[in-house]
Amino acid sequence: MKVGLIRCSQTEDMCPGTTCFKVMSKKKLAFEDVKEDIELIGVNTCGGCPGKNAVTRAAEMVKRGADAIVLASCITRGNPIGFACPHEKIMKDAIVKKLGKDINIIDYTH
């Protein structure tokens, strides 16, 4: 599986993504059912509220080989700041609309 990771712009100053990368490499939590190797194609932020760049960044990672887009837990679960993104559903729906229903969207990392 080739993944593109989209993370929250608000948390990038405090979180280097260590746990997201660890659960991918060890195939834990959101990745526990993945049988094939996981290759990280790219990491980018949503572009800031209201996630205005998530769609174009997801599309670019797909162009570069990603077959799954992962919305990091900072977006969907609020890790580490305790506040999930209020725009998460809109971002996800817009990504699916742009890339089609065949794109695999993973809703969290850890």
Protein backbone atom coordinates (compact mmCIF):
# COMPACT_ATOMS: atom_id res chain seq x y z
CA MET A 1 0.00 0.00 0.00
CA LYS A 2 1.28 3.43 -0.95
CA VAL A 3 -0.05 6.15 1.32
CA GLY A 4 -0.21 9.91 1.38
CA LEU A 5 -0.58 11.40 4.85
CA ILE A 6 -2.49 14.62 5.43
CA ARG A 7 -2.07 16.20 8.84
CA CYS A 8 -3.45 19.24 10.63
CA SER A 9 -1.67 22.49 9.93
CA GLN A 10 -2.45 23.68 13.47
CA THR A 11 -0.48 20.86 15.10
CA GLU A 12 2.57 20.67 12.83
CA ASP A 13 4.59 22.99 15.07
CA MET A 14 4.19 20.70 18.09
CA CYS A 15 4.03 17.24 16.52
CA PRO A 16 6.72 15.81 14.24
CA GLY A 17 4.46 12.92 13.18
CA THR A 18 6.49 10.31 15.07
CA THR A 19 3.53 8.25 16.23
CA CYS A 20 1.86 8.33 12.80
CA PHE A 21 5.06 7.04 11.19
CA LYS A 22 5.55 4.42 13.90
CA VAL A 23 2.08 2.90 13.61
CA MET A 24 2.48 2.76 9.83
CA SER A 25 5.84 1.03 9.97
CA LYS A 26 4.73 -1.44 12.66
CA LYS A 27 1.27 -1.94 11.08
CA LYS A 28 -0.56 -1.08 14.28
CA LEU A 29 -3.91 0.57 14.99
CA ALA A 30 -5.34 1.95 11.71
CA PHE A 31 -2.87 -0.19 9.73
CA GLU A 32 -3.24 -3.53 11.53
CA ASP A 33 -5.20 -5.14 8.69
CA VAL A 34 -2.75 -4.08 5.98
CA LYS A 35 -1.07 -7.20 4.58
CA GLU A 36 1.30 -5.63 2.06
CA ASP A 37 4.25 -3.33 2.70
CA ILE A 38 3.41 0.29 3.44
CA GLU A 39 5.28 2.95 1.50
CA LEU A 40 4.86 6.56 2.51
CA ILE A 41 4.54 8.63 -0.67
CA GLY A 42 4.29 12.00 1.02
CA VAL A 43 3.26 14.02 4.05
CA ASN A 44 1.54 17.35 3.87
CA THR A 45 -0.81 19.51 5.89
CA CYS A 46 -4.38 20.36 5.08
CA GLY A 47 -3.22 23.91 4.36
CA GLY A 48 -4.92 25.43 7.39
CA CYS A 49 -8.53 25.96 8.29
CA PRO A 50 -10.85 25.11 6.68
CA GLY A 51 -8.60 22.51 5.02
CA LYS A 52 -8.44 24.49 1.81
CA ASN A 53 -5.47 22.60 0.35
CA ALA A 54 -6.29 19.05 1.41
CA VAL A 55 -7.95 18.13 -1.88
CA THR A 56 -5.18 19.37 -4.17
CA ARG A 57 -2.50 17.88 -1.92
CA ALA A 58 -4.28 14.51 -1.83
CA ALA A 59 -4.63 14.59 -5.62
CA GLU A 60 -0.92 15.33 -6.01
CA MET A 61 0.03 12.41 -3.76
CA VAL A 62 -2.22 10.13 -5.84
CA LYS A 63 -0.47 11.39 -8.98
CA ARG A 64 2.80 10.41 -7.33
CA GLY A 65 1.58 6.89 -6.64
CA ALA A 66 -0.52 6.91 -3.46
CA ASP A 67 -3.41 4.47 -3.48
CA ALA A 68 -4.60 5.52 -0.02
CA ILE A 69 -4.96 8.89 1.63
CA VAL A 70 -4.63 8.94 5.40
CA LEU A 71 -6.21 11.69 7.45
CA ALA A 72 -3.96 11.79 10.50
CA SER A 73 -5.39 11.53 13.98
CA CYS A 74 -4.67 15.21 14.60
CA ILE A 75 -7.46 15.91 12.10
CA THR A 76 -9.94 13.19 12.97
CA ARG A 77 -9.33 12.63 16.69
CA GLY A 78 -7.71 15.86 17.84
CA ASN A 79 -4.40 14.32 18.91
CA PRO A 80 -2.39 15.94 20.54
CA ILE A 81 -4.35 19.13 21.20
CA GLY A 82 -7.64 17.49 22.17
CA PHE A 83 -9.66 19.21 19.46
CA ALA A 84 -10.66 17.34 16.32
CA CYS A 85 -10.99 19.32 13.11
CA PRO A 86 -14.52 20.67 12.63
CA HIS A 87 -13.90 20.56 8.85
CA GLU A 88 -12.84 16.90 8.69
CA LYS A 89 -16.02 15.57 7.06
CA ILE A 90 -16.08 18.36 4.47
CA MET A 91 -12.39 17.70 3.65
CA LYS A 92 -12.93 13.97 3.36
CA ASP A 93 -16.03 14.36 1.18
CA ALA A 94 -14.20 16.83 -1.07
CA ILE A 95 -11.24 14.43 -1.45
CA VAL A 96 -13.58 11.58 -2.40
CA LYS A 97 -15.46 13.84 -4.83
CA LYS A 98 -12.19 14.84 -6.54
CA LEU A 99 -10.47 11.42 -6.53
CA GLY A 100 -13.46 9.09 -6.79
CA LYS A 101 -14.91 6.45 -4.52
CA ASP A 102 -12.13 3.99 -5.41
CA ILE A 103 -9.54 5.92 -3.41
CA ASN A 104 -8.93 4.33 -0.05
CA ILE A 105 -9.38 6.88 2.75
CA ILE A 106 -8.04 5.90 6.16
CA ASP A 107 -9.73 8.00 8.83
CA TYR A 108 -7.03 8.02 11.50
CA THR A 109 -3.56 6.82 12.34
CA HIS A 110 -3.48 6.25 16.10
